[in-house]
Every structure is written in structure tokens, then in C-alpha cells.
Amino acid sequence: MTADPDLVAQLRRIADALERASPQTPGSAALDSADAFVWHADQDRLQAVAKVSRVDLALLKGIERVRAILLEYTLRFARGLPANNALLWGARGMGKSSLIKAVHATVNHHRMRESRADPLVLVEIHREDIASLPRLLEWLRGGKRRQLLFCDDLSFDSDDTSYKSLKAVLEGGIEGRPDNVLFYATSNRRHLMPRDMIENERSTAINPSEAVEEKVSLSDRFGLWLGFHACDQDTYLDMVRGYAEAFGFAVAPDQLRAEAVEWAVTRGGRSGRVAWQFVQDLAGRLGKPIPL
């Protein structure tokens, strides 16, 4: 009996459509298609990032000590050695997330020089998707490459209970964090929760000390804490000069200093972010692109 060619073709189209519509399985080849991804929890998928927005590691001034520590830690993990989850906390705009992205690029550059076949993968999960972290880890657990999981501006409000899922996933769950995954988070808060939230738990709980311990212990799941502090004017100006020299801006030192100080005054503070915003404005006025 000969099959109807039209029926066979139609069944093939249906099968192809079902395959395209079905979610990719954890540990699928999708993780090998790029060096950076963003996790979309609502679709249970990883979206490849063609070009990561970052600056060169050497351009991050005023954070030399933490820069060296995080680079060494990440290199150790990429080489298959044990490493702790890291929490980068402190002043706004001092390069916490920029450092993670720059370290990722530098580590992969090192691996290329060492003739290593597998680059480190960077996966970003958004703060609002933390509840989906167990599902994401199932994706990453089956990956062949080592992966750096990154959450920017991680913090929790008083009515947010997703921090309990994060605690269990980082260390306390029955499976725990996969050996091929390291978790880096940035936050303006050392303990990831506002002080009034912790104080409220102390005042209303039957056992205040236990309630506070429950909240504070979240940050204890990070074996490495790196603090970032507000910079003084000399450090701020060093940042500006570093960018200007790296990008070849022909501006007299006195003029550059005066304009950078004025910019900081109008912004109401000094930080790495303020320095970068000034340099972008300067590049626009000079008609020069910034090579990133």
C-alpha cells in the first residue's frame, strides 16, 4: 500500500511545527550557541546576546582591589576549580555590574591564550525572575560549559518571599547549586533587604533573633563579599582621564578637569557611572565615537 504523498507532507509539516513549538530541553545545544544569554522566565528560554554591553577591565578605576579578587576567583572557576558565590554590594554607580561583565570578557580572553576550548558562559537573570531560578538551574545543570549566572541590582521588599527560593538554591536545597554554575549578584544593600524590613521582623516576631537571622542569612549564602564605596574627587577625575586617554580625546588637562568637576556638580555626586556619562557627553561634543 502506497502512502498518500500529500498526507505524508502534511504530517511532516505538523511534526516540524510541534518540534519548533516545544521548549528546548535543559542542557540542550542552545547553551553552546553563544557566550552570553538572558533568561526569559515567562517563556522558559535563554536568549543569546550577540554583543555584551561592557567596557574594558583596565578602564574600571578606583576598584583595583576588588577587581583583582573577582578576576582571580572567576579564572579559578573557569579552570574547573571550586569557587564561592559572590555578592558585590555598595555604592551606586561604582562599577559592580560593569566589573562582572568585564571580568567575563577578560577570563575568556585568558582562556583563548591558554588554548582552552570552552569559553565561560555569562547568563543574566532579572531580579523579577528570581522565583524561576530553580527552573533555570535545571537548564544550566546539563550544560557542558561552565556558566556564570548574574543578577543585577538584587534586593527584596518587605512583602517579597522569593528570597527563600534563592536561599535554598544557593546552598540549602537538596540538589544545591550545580558544580558548573557560579552565582554573582550586585546590590546596593549588604544584606539584600531594607533595614526597616529587618527591624519590623524583630519587633513582631515571637523570637526576634531568629526572625532577623532568617533575613540576614541570605547574604551568608555568598561566600565572597566585595564592597564598593563612594569615590572621592581624585578617583573620579582619574576615571575621567583614563577614559579620555583610552579613547584618544584631545582635550587639555585643565579643561577636562574643569568640565568633569562641573558635570559632577550638576549630577549631585561622583561615581564611575557619572564619569562614564560625562565621557559619553564629551565624545558627542567632540564628534568622536566610543569604540566598545
C-alpha atoms as a PDB file:
ATOM      1  CA  MET A   1       0.000   0.000   0.000  1.00  0.00           C
ATOM      2  CA  THR A   2       1.444   3.336  -1.074  1.00  0.00           C
ATOM      3  CA  ALA A   3       1.125   6.287   1.307  1.00  0.00           C
ATOM      4  CA  ASP A   4      -0.565   9.409   0.041  1.00  0.00           C
ATOM      5  CA  PRO A   5       2.295  11.902  -0.689  1.00  0.00           C
ATOM      6  CA  ASP A   6       0.105  14.842   0.279  1.00  0.00           C
ATOM      7  CA  LEU A   7      -0.771  13.235   3.622  1.00  0.00           C
ATOM      8  CA  VAL A   8       2.878  12.420   4.333  1.00  0.00           C
ATOM      9  CA  ALA A   9       3.897  16.002   3.555  1.00  0.00           C
ATOM     10  CA  GLN A  10       1.147  17.378   5.790  1.00  0.00           C
ATOM     11  CA  LEU A  11       2.131  15.084   8.690  1.00  0.00           C
ATOM     12  CA  ARG A  12       5.756  16.140   8.276  1.00  0.00           C
ATOM     13  CA  ARG A  13       4.775  19.814   8.455  1.00  0.00           C
ATOM     14  CA  ILE A  14       2.756  19.164  11.619  1.00  0.00           C
ATOM     15  CA  ALA A  15       5.673  17.299  13.215  1.00  0.00           C
ATOM     16  CA  ASP A  16       8.093  20.114  12.342  1.00  0.00           C
ATOM     17  CA  ALA A  17       5.723  22.706  13.786  1.00  0.00           C
ATOM     18  CA  LEU A  18       5.351  20.757  17.038  1.00  0.00           C
ATOM     19  CA  GLU A  19       9.114  20.440  17.340  1.00  0.00           C
ATOM     20  CA  ARG A  20       9.592  24.176  16.869  1.00  0.00           C
ATOM     21  CA  ALA A  21       6.870  24.971  19.409  1.00  0.00           C
ATOM     22  CA  SER A  22       8.190  22.602  22.082  1.00  0.00           C
ATOM     23  CA  PRO A  23      10.582  24.092  24.661  1.00  0.00           C
ATOM     24  CA  GLN A  24      14.220  23.165  24.459  1.00  0.00           C
ATOM     25  CA  THR A  25      15.290  20.582  26.972  1.00  0.00           C
ATOM     26  CA  PRO A  26      17.658  21.515  29.793  1.00  0.00           C
ATOM     27  CA  GLY A  27      21.289  21.202  28.819  1.00  0.00           C
ATOM     28  CA  SER A  28      20.448  21.385  25.129  1.00  0.00           C
ATOM     29  CA  ALA A  29      22.871  22.551  22.462  1.00  0.00           C
ATOM     30  CA  ALA A  30      21.422  26.059  22.790  1.00  0.00           C
ATOM     31  CA  LEU A  31      23.900  26.690  25.607  1.00  0.00           C
ATOM     32  CA  ASP A  32      26.762  26.176  23.162  1.00  0.00           C
ATOM     33  CA  SER A  33      25.494  28.700  20.630  1.00  0.00           C
ATOM     34  CA  ALA A  34      26.839  31.853  22.322  1.00  0.00           C
ATOM     35  CA  ASP A  35      28.948  33.136  25.206  1.00  0.00           C
ATOM     36  CA  ALA A  36      26.192  35.257  26.802  1.00  0.00           C
ATOM     37  CA  PHE A  37      22.460  34.792  27.358  1.00  0.00           C
ATOM     38  CA  VAL A  38      19.476  36.454  29.020  1.00  0.00           C
ATOM     39  CA  TRP A  39      16.927  34.224  30.756  1.00  0.00           C
ATOM     40  CA  HIS A  40      13.260  34.880  29.907  1.00  0.00           C
ATOM     41  CA  ALA A  41      11.268  33.169  32.640  1.00  0.00           C
ATOM     42  CA  ASP A  42       7.858  33.774  31.066  1.00  0.00           C
ATOM     43  CA  GLN A  43       8.922  31.753  28.019  1.00  0.00           C
ATOM     44  CA  ASP A  44      11.316  29.331  29.726  1.00  0.00           C
ATOM     45  CA  ARG A  45      14.055  30.129  27.265  1.00  0.00           C
ATOM     46  CA  LEU A  46      17.546  31.563  27.012  1.00  0.00           C
ATOM     47  CA  GLN A  47      18.069  34.356  24.501  1.00  0.00           C
ATOM     48  CA  ALA A  48      21.566  34.627  23.073  1.00  0.00           C
ATOM     49  CA  VAL A  49      23.253  38.038  23.317  1.00  0.00           C
ATOM     50  CA  ALA A  50      25.274  38.841  20.210  1.00  0.00           C
ATOM     51  CA  LYS A  51      27.257  41.671  21.836  1.00  0.00           C
ATOM     52  CA  VAL A  52      27.507  42.330  25.562  1.00  0.00           C
ATOM     53  CA  SER A  53      27.483  45.995  26.609  1.00  0.00           C
ATOM     54  CA  ARG A  54      30.705  46.397  28.588  1.00  0.00           C
ATOM     55  CA  VAL A  55      33.921  48.352  28.995  1.00  0.00           C
ATOM     56  CA  ASP A  56      37.482  47.093  29.203  1.00  0.00           C
ATOM     57  CA  LEU A  57      38.526  45.826  32.634  1.00  0.00           C
ATOM     58  CA  ALA A  58      41.519  48.185  32.796  1.00  0.00           C
ATOM     59  CA  LEU A  59      39.203  51.203  32.458  1.00  0.00           C
ATOM     60  CA  LEU A  60      37.434  50.457  35.743  1.00  0.00           C
ATOM     61  CA  LYS A  61      39.301  52.747  38.125  1.00  0.00           C
ATOM     62  CA  GLY A  62      39.052  53.098  41.876  1.00  0.00           C
ATOM     63  CA  ILE A  63      38.134  49.445  42.424  1.00  0.00           C
ATOM     64  CA  GLU A  64      41.511  47.838  41.731  1.00  0.00           C
ATOM     65  CA  ARG A  65      41.485  45.567  44.785  1.00  0.00           C
ATOM     66  CA  VAL A  66      38.031  44.051  44.238  1.00  0.00           C
ATOM     67  CA  ARG A  67      38.749  43.915  40.506  1.00  0.00           C
ATOM     68  CA  ALA A  68      41.785  41.691  41.102  1.00  0.00           C
ATOM     69  CA  ILE A  69      39.918  39.461  43.566  1.00  0.00           C
ATOM     70  CA  LEU A  70      36.929  38.870  41.300  1.00  0.00           C
ATOM     71  CA  LEU A  71      39.130  38.202  38.274  1.00  0.00           C
ATOM     72  CA  GLU A  72      41.174  35.605  40.163  1.00  0.00           C
ATOM     73  CA  TYR A  73      38.018  33.979  41.536  1.00  0.00           C
ATOM     74  CA  THR A  74      36.396  33.757  38.127  1.00  0.00           C
ATOM     75  CA  LEU A  75      39.537  32.411  36.474  1.00  0.00           C
ATOM     76  CA  ARG A  76      39.680  29.727  39.143  1.00  0.00           C
ATOM     77  CA  PHE A  77      36.094  28.701  38.469  1.00  0.00           C
ATOM     78  CA  ALA A  78      36.564  28.733  34.676  1.00  0.00           C
ATOM     79  CA  ARG A  79      39.535  26.366  35.077  1.00  0.00           C
ATOM     80  CA  GLY A  80      37.336  23.836  36.869  1.00  0.00           C
ATOM     81  CA  LEU A  81      38.359  24.665  40.442  1.00  0.00           C
ATOM     82  CA  PRO A  82      35.982  25.343  43.363  1.00  0.00           C
ATOM     83  CA  ALA A  83      34.786  28.913  43.948  1.00  0.00           C
ATOM     84  CA  ASN A  84      32.163  30.686  46.060  1.00  0.00           C
ATOM     85  CA  ASN A  85      29.105  32.636  45.007  1.00  0.00           C
ATOM     86  CA  ALA A  86      29.887  36.362  45.112  1.00  0.00           C
ATOM     87  CA  LEU A  87      27.893  39.369  46.294  1.00  0.00           C
ATOM     88  CA  LEU A  88      29.076  42.755  45.021  1.00  0.00           C
ATOM     89  CA  TRP A  89      27.442  45.343  47.253  1.00  0.00           C
ATOM     90  CA  GLY A  90      27.763  49.037  47.984  1.00  0.00           C
ATOM     91  CA  ALA A  91      27.559  52.498  46.476  1.00  0.00           C
ATOM     92  CA  ARG A  92      25.536  53.086  43.336  1.00  0.00           C
ATOM     93  CA  GLY A  93      27.342  53.628  40.066  1.00  0.00           C
ATOM     94  CA  MET A  94      30.734  52.315  41.202  1.00  0.00           C
ATOM     95  CA  GLY A  95      31.016  49.608  38.575  1.00  0.00           C
ATOM     96  CA  LYS A  96      29.562  46.476  40.206  1.00  0.00           C
ATOM     97  CA  SER A  97      27.743  45.127  37.153  1.00  0.00           C
ATOM     98  CA  SER A  98      30.355  46.578  34.771  1.00  0.00           C
ATOM     99  CA  LEU A  99      33.020  44.642  36.654  1.00  0.00           C
ATOM    100  CA  ILE A 100      31.207  41.315  36.257  1.00  0.00           C
ATOM    101  CA  LYS A 101      30.786  41.798  32.507  1.00  0.00           C
ATOM    102  CA  ALA A 102      34.376  42.976  32.079  1.00  0.00           C
ATOM    103  CA  VAL A 103      35.719  40.052  34.118  1.00  0.00           C
ATOM    104  CA  HIS A 104      33.743  37.617  31.968  1.00  0.00           C
ATOM    105  CA  ALA A 105      35.339  39.019  28.803  1.00  0.00           C
ATOM    106  CA  THR A 106      38.819  39.023  30.355  1.00  0.00           C
ATOM    107  CA  VAL A 107      38.513  35.438  31.551  1.00  0.00           C
ATOM    108  CA  ASN A 108      37.528  34.265  28.081  1.00  0.00           C
ATOM    109  CA  HIS A 109      40.475  36.178  26.637  1.00  0.00           C
ATOM    110  CA  HIS A 110      42.747  34.332  29.085  1.00  0.00           C
ATOM    111  CA  ARG A 111      41.227  31.015  28.059  1.00  0.00           C
ATOM    112  CA  MET A 112      41.879  31.742  24.404  1.00  0.00           C
ATOM    113  CA  ARG A 113      45.547  32.425  25.212  1.00  0.00           C
ATOM    114  CA  GLU A 114      45.672  29.197  27.206  1.00  0.00           C
ATOM    115  CA  SER A 115      44.199  27.324  24.202  1.00  0.00           C
ATOM    116  CA  ARG A 116      41.166  26.319  26.250  1.00  0.00           C
ATOM    117  CA  ALA A 117      38.331  25.025  24.080  1.00  0.00           C
ATOM    118  CA  ASP A 118      35.341  26.109  26.143  1.00  0.00           C
ATOM    119  CA  PRO A 119      34.757  29.790  26.982  1.00  0.00           C
ATOM    120  CA  LEU A 120      32.889  30.734  30.140  1.00  0.00           C
ATOM    121  CA  VAL A 121      29.191  31.435  29.570  1.00  0.00           C
ATOM    122  CA  LEU A 122      27.514  34.516  31.099  1.00  0.00           C
ATOM    123  CA  VAL A 123      23.790  34.151  31.875  1.00  0.00           C
ATOM    124  CA  GLU A 124      21.780  37.089  33.200  1.00  0.00           C
ATOM    125  CA  ILE A 125      18.623  36.564  35.223  1.00  0.00           C
ATOM    126  CA  HIS A 126      16.467  39.596  36.017  1.00  0.00           C
ATOM    127  CA  ARG A 127      15.564  40.418  39.586  1.00  0.00           C
ATOM    128  CA  GLU A 128      11.848  39.884  38.958  1.00  0.00           C
ATOM    129  CA  ASP A 129      12.542  36.364  37.662  1.00  0.00           C
ATOM    130  CA  ILE A 130      14.356  35.078  40.767  1.00  0.00           C
ATOM    131  CA  ALA A 131      11.418  32.796  41.576  1.00  0.00           C
ATOM    132  CA  SER A 132      12.216  30.894  38.366  1.00  0.00           C
ATOM    133  CA  LEU A 133      15.813  30.275  39.426  1.00  0.00           C
ATOM    134  CA  PRO A 134      15.285  26.541  40.125  1.00  0.00           C
ATOM    135  CA  ARG A 135      13.994  26.059  36.570  1.00  0.00           C
ATOM    136  CA  LEU A 136      16.917  27.982  35.115  1.00  0.00           C
ATOM    137  CA  LEU A 137      19.402  25.892  37.072  1.00  0.00           C
ATOM    138  CA  GLU A 138      17.893  22.787  35.502  1.00  0.00           C
ATOM    139  CA  TRP A 139      18.789  24.271  32.129  1.00  0.00           C
ATOM    140  CA  LEU A 140      22.299  25.090  33.219  1.00  0.00           C
ATOM    141  CA  ARG A 141      22.953  21.876  35.134  1.00  0.00           C
ATOM    142  CA  GLY A 142      23.108  19.876  31.911  1.00  0.00           C
ATOM    143  CA  GLY A 143      25.386  22.284  30.082  1.00  0.00           C
ATOM    144  CA  LYS A 144      28.842  21.149  29.025  1.00  0.00           C
ATOM    145  CA  ARG A 145      30.446  24.553  29.645  1.00  0.00           C
ATOM    146  CA  ARG A 146      30.914  26.341  32.952  1.00  0.00           C
ATOM    147  CA  GLN A 147      28.441  29.154  33.452  1.00  0.00           C
ATOM    148  CA  LEU A 148      28.458  32.414  35.373  1.00  0.00           C
ATOM    149  CA  LEU A 149      24.934  33.291  36.498  1.00  0.00           C
ATOM    150  CA  PHE A 150      24.492  37.019  37.048  1.00  0.00           C
ATOM    151  CA  CYS A 151      21.695  39.039  38.692  1.00  0.00           C
ATOM    152  CA  ASP A 152      21.995  42.812  38.732  1.00  0.00           C
ATOM    153  CA  ASP A 153      20.531  45.013  41.483  1.00  0.00           C
ATOM    154  CA  LEU A 154      19.294  42.120  43.602  1.00  0.00           C
ATOM    155  CA  SER A 155      17.189  43.158  46.581  1.00  0.00           C
ATOM    156  CA  PHE A 156      13.908  42.228  48.238  1.00  0.00           C
ATOM    157  CA  ASP A 157      10.994  44.241  49.605  1.00  0.00           C
ATOM    158  CA  SER A 158       9.019  43.558  52.746  1.00  0.00           C
ATOM    159  CA  ASP A 159       6.265  41.574  51.000  1.00  0.00           C
ATOM    160  CA  ASP A 160       8.628  39.567  48.805  1.00  0.00           C
ATOM    161  CA  THR A 161       9.146  35.909  49.727  1.00  0.00           C
ATOM    162  CA  SER A 162      11.167  34.827  46.683  1.00  0.00           C
ATOM    163  CA  TYR A 163      14.340  35.262  48.754  1.00  0.00           C
ATOM    164  CA  LYS A 164      13.540  31.891  50.359  1.00  0.00           C
ATOM    165  CA  SER A 165      13.837  30.185  46.984  1.00  0.00           C
ATOM    166  CA  LEU A 166      17.153  31.906  46.413  1.00  0.00           C
ATOM    167  CA  LYS A 167      18.491  30.723  49.767  1.00  0.00           C
ATOM    168  CA  ALA A 168      17.586  27.118  49.060  1.00  0.00           C
ATOM    169  CA  VAL A 169      19.025  27.162  45.565  1.00  0.00           C
ATOM    170  CA  LEU A 170      22.331  28.764  46.536  1.00  0.00           C
ATOM    171  CA  GLU A 171      23.299  26.279  49.218  1.00  0.00           C
ATOM    172  CA  GLY A 172      20.493  24.799  51.267  1.00  0.00           C
ATOM    173  CA  GLY A 173      18.457  22.742  48.781  1.00  0.00           C
ATOM    174  CA  ILE A 174      18.729  19.005  48.336  1.00  0.00           C
ATOM    175  CA  GLU A 175      20.458  19.491  44.987  1.00  0.00           C
ATOM    176  CA  GLY A 176      22.081  22.851  45.646  1.00  0.00           C
ATOM    177  CA  ARG A 177      23.973  24.822  43.052  1.00  0.00           C
ATOM    178  CA  PRO A 178      25.316  22.788  40.127  1.00  0.00           C
ATOM    179  CA  ASP A 179      29.095  22.413  40.058  1.00  0.00           C
ATOM    180  CA  ASN A 180      29.231  24.049  36.626  1.00  0.00           C
ATOM    181  CA  VAL A 181      27.368  27.194  37.758  1.00  0.00           C
ATOM    182  CA  LEU A 182      28.601  30.140  39.835  1.00  0.00           C
ATOM    183  CA  PHE A 183      26.214  32.874  41.009  1.00  0.00           C
ATOM    184  CA  TYR A 184      27.241  36.553  41.093  1.00  0.00           C
ATOM    185  CA  ALA A 185      24.842  39.243  42.299  1.00  0.00           C
ATOM    186  CA  THR A 186      25.084  43.008  42.690  1.00  0.00           C
ATOM    187  CA  SER A 187      23.153  45.012  45.254  1.00  0.00           C
ATOM    188  CA  ASN A 188      23.184  48.387  46.946  1.00  0.00           C
ATOM    189  CA  ARG A 189      22.387  46.565  50.196  1.00  0.00           C
ATOM    190  CA  ARG A 190      24.797  44.339  52.042  1.00  0.00           C
ATOM    191  CA  HIS A 191      22.023  42.110  53.379  1.00  0.00           C
ATOM    192  CA  LEU A 192      19.788  42.443  50.276  1.00  0.00           C
ATOM    193  CA  MET A 193      16.850  43.676  52.367  1.00  0.00           C
ATOM    194  CA  PRO A 194      15.902  47.130  53.682  1.00  0.00           C
ATOM    195  CA  ARG A 195      16.704  47.847  57.311  1.00  0.00           C
ATOM    196  CA  ASP A 196      13.052  48.603  58.165  1.00  0.00           C
ATOM    197  CA  MET A 197      12.101  45.122  56.940  1.00  0.00           C
ATOM    198  CA  ILE A 198      14.596  43.507  59.297  1.00  0.00           C
ATOM    199  CA  GLU A 199      13.588  45.798  62.179  1.00  0.00           C
ATOM    200  CA  ASN A 200       9.908  45.025  61.605  1.00  0.00           C
ATOM    201  CA  GLU A 201      10.650  41.311  61.848  1.00  0.00           C
ATOM    202  CA  ARG A 202      12.460  41.928  65.126  1.00  0.00           C
ATOM    203  CA  SER A 203       9.528  43.839  66.632  1.00  0.00           C
ATOM    204  CA  THR A 204       6.720  41.462  65.609  1.00  0.00           C
ATOM    205  CA  ALA A 205       8.269  38.001  65.782  1.00  0.00           C
ATOM    206  CA  ILE A 206       7.819  35.598  68.692  1.00  0.00           C
ATOM    207  CA  ASN A 207      11.567  35.067  68.647  1.00  0.00           C
ATOM    208  CA  PRO A 208      13.070  38.298  67.254  1.00  0.00           C
ATOM    209  CA  SER A 209      16.617  36.993  66.961  1.00  0.00           C
ATOM    210  CA  GLU A 210      15.525  34.030  64.839  1.00  0.00           C
ATOM    211  CA  ALA A 211      13.480  36.270  62.535  1.00  0.00           C
ATOM    212  CA  VAL A 212      16.422  38.564  61.952  1.00  0.00           C
ATOM    213  CA  GLU A 213      18.725  35.609  61.360  1.00  0.00           C
ATOM    214  CA  GLU A 214      16.312  34.358  58.676  1.00  0.00           C
ATOM    215  CA  LYS A 215      16.665  37.619  56.773  1.00  0.00           C
ATOM    216  CA  VAL A 216      20.361  38.239  57.287  1.00  0.00           C
ATOM    217  CA  SER A 217      21.364  34.665  56.486  1.00  0.00           C
ATOM    218  CA  LEU A 218      20.526  35.182  52.826  1.00  0.00           C
ATOM    219  CA  SER A 219      23.702  37.174  52.274  1.00  0.00           C
ATOM    220  CA  ASP A 220      25.630  34.464  54.146  1.00  0.00           C
ATOM    221  CA  ARG A 221      24.949  32.166  51.201  1.00  0.00           C
ATOM    222  CA  PHE A 222      27.525  34.215  49.292  1.00  0.00           C
ATOM    223  CA  GLY A 223      30.998  33.055  50.260  1.00  0.00           C
ATOM    224  CA  LEU A 224      32.628  36.137  48.739  1.00  0.00           C
ATOM    225  CA  TRP A 225      31.571  39.680  49.651  1.00  0.00           C
ATOM    226  CA  LEU A 226      33.097  42.577  47.746  1.00  0.00           C
ATOM    227  CA  GLY A 227      32.331  46.103  48.966  1.00  0.00           C
ATOM    228  CA  PHE A 228      32.149  49.172  46.714  1.00  0.00           C
ATOM    229  CA  HIS A 229      32.359  52.613  48.278  1.00  0.00           C
ATOM    230  CA  ALA A 230      31.719  56.133  47.044  1.00  0.00           C
ATOM    231  CA  CYS A 231      34.735  57.681  45.364  1.00  0.00           C
ATOM    232  CA  ASP A 232      36.465  60.971  46.165  1.00  0.00           C
ATOM    233  CA  GLN A 233      37.187  63.667  43.595  1.00  0.00           C
ATOM    234  CA  ASP A 234      40.705  62.453  42.785  1.00  0.00           C
ATOM    235  CA  THR A 235      39.416  58.968  41.976  1.00  0.00           C
ATOM    236  CA  TYR A 236      36.566  60.401  39.922  1.00  0.00           C
ATOM    237  CA  LEU A 237      38.961  62.525  37.880  1.00  0.00           C
ATOM    238  CA  ASP A 238      41.261  59.538  37.434  1.00  0.00           C
ATOM    239  CA  MET A 239      38.322  57.665  35.923  1.00  0.00           C
ATOM    240  CA  VAL A 240      37.633  60.522  33.518  1.00  0.00           C
ATOM    241  CA  ARG A 241      41.294  60.802  32.491  1.00  0.00           C
ATOM    242  CA  GLY A 242      41.508  57.057  31.959  1.00  0.00           C
ATOM    243  CA  TYR A 243      38.545  57.075  29.593  1.00  0.00           C
ATOM    244  CA  ALA A 244      39.767  60.185  27.758  1.00  0.00           C
ATOM    245  CA  GLU A 245      43.227  58.708  27.193  1.00  0.00           C
ATOM    246  CA  ALA A 246      41.867  55.320  26.129  1.00  0.00           C
ATOM    247  CA  PHE A 247      39.536  56.884  23.575  1.00  0.00           C
ATOM    248  CA  GLY A 248      42.066  59.431  22.296  1.00  0.00           C
ATOM    249  CA  PHE A 249      40.211  62.606  23.244  1.00  0.00           C
ATOM    250  CA  ALA A 250      42.345  65.674  22.505  1.00  0.00           C
ATOM    251  CA  VAL A 251      41.326  67.862  25.454  1.00  0.00           C
ATOM    252  CA  ALA A 252      43.671  69.999  27.549  1.00  0.00           C
ATOM    253  CA  PRO A 253      44.065  68.560  31.088  1.00  0.00           C
ATOM    254  CA  ASP A 254      42.829  71.747  32.796  1.00  0.00           C
ATOM    255  CA  GLN A 255      39.772  71.930  30.548  1.00  0.00           C
ATOM    256  CA  LEU A 256      38.999  68.241  31.058  1.00  0.00           C
ATOM    257  CA  ARG A 257      39.259  68.630  34.816  1.00  0.00           C
ATOM    258  CA  ALA A 258      37.073  71.733  34.946  1.00  0.00           C
ATOM    259  CA  GLU A 259      34.360  70.228  32.763  1.00  0.00           C
ATOM    260  CA  ALA A 260      34.392  66.936  34.672  1.00  0.00           C
ATOM    261  CA  VAL A 261      34.057  68.721  38.030  1.00  0.00           C
ATOM    262  CA  GLU A 262      31.202  70.861  36.711  1.00  0.00           C
ATOM    263  CA  TRP A 263      29.467  67.757  35.381  1.00  0.00           C
ATOM    264  CA  ALA A 264      29.721  66.041  38.763  1.00  0.00           C
ATOM    265  CA  VAL A 265      28.260  69.091  40.497  1.00  0.00           C
ATOM    266  CA  THR A 266      25.272  69.141  38.154  1.00  0.00           C
ATOM    267  CA  ARG A 267      24.763  65.415  38.772  1.00  0.00           C
ATOM    268  CA  GLY A 268      24.913  65.861  42.536  1.00  0.00           C
ATOM    269  CA  GLY A 269      27.681  63.347  43.162  1.00  0.00           C
ATOM    270  CA  ARG A 270      30.722  61.458  41.907  1.00  0.00           C
ATOM    271  CA  SER A 271      30.852  57.827  40.782  1.00  0.00           C
ATOM    272  CA  GLY A 272      32.060  55.642  37.971  1.00  0.00           C
ATOM    273  CA  ARG A 273      28.662  55.992  36.316  1.00  0.00           C
ATOM    274  CA  VAL A 274      28.855  59.785  36.460  1.00  0.00           C
ATOM    275  CA  ALA A 275      32.359  59.671  34.952  1.00  0.00           C
ATOM    276  CA  TRP A 276      31.131  57.435  32.126  1.00  0.00           C
ATOM    277  CA  GLN A 277      28.149  59.695  31.433  1.00  0.00           C
ATOM    278  CA  PHE A 278      30.469  62.703  31.252  1.00  0.00           C
ATOM    279  CA  VAL A 279      32.768  60.879  28.831  1.00  0.00           C
ATOM    280  CA  GLN A 280      29.825  59.953  26.613  1.00  0.00           C
ATOM    281  CA  ASP A 281      28.712  63.586  26.563  1.00  0.00           C
ATOM    282  CA  LEU A 282      32.266  64.712  25.805  1.00  0.00           C
ATOM    283  CA  ALA A 283      32.570  62.187  22.969  1.00  0.00           C
ATOM    284  CA  GLY A 284      29.371  63.517  21.448  1.00  0.00           C
ATOM    285  CA  ARG A 285      30.564  67.112  21.636  1.00  0.00           C
ATOM    286  CA  LEU A 286      33.899  66.153  20.088  1.00  0.00           C
ATOM    287  CA  GLY A 287      32.188  64.168  17.351  1.00  0.00           C
ATOM    288  CA  LYS A 288      34.124  61.010  18.249  1.00  0.00           C
ATOM    289  CA  PRO A 289      32.609  57.536  18.586  1.00  0.00           C
ATOM    290  CA  ILE A 290      33.454  55.438  21.600  1.00  0.00           C
ATOM    291  CA  PRO A 291      34.998  52.127  20.478  1.00  0.00           C
ATOM    292  CA  LEU A 292      33.445  49.370  22.604  1.00  0.00           C
END
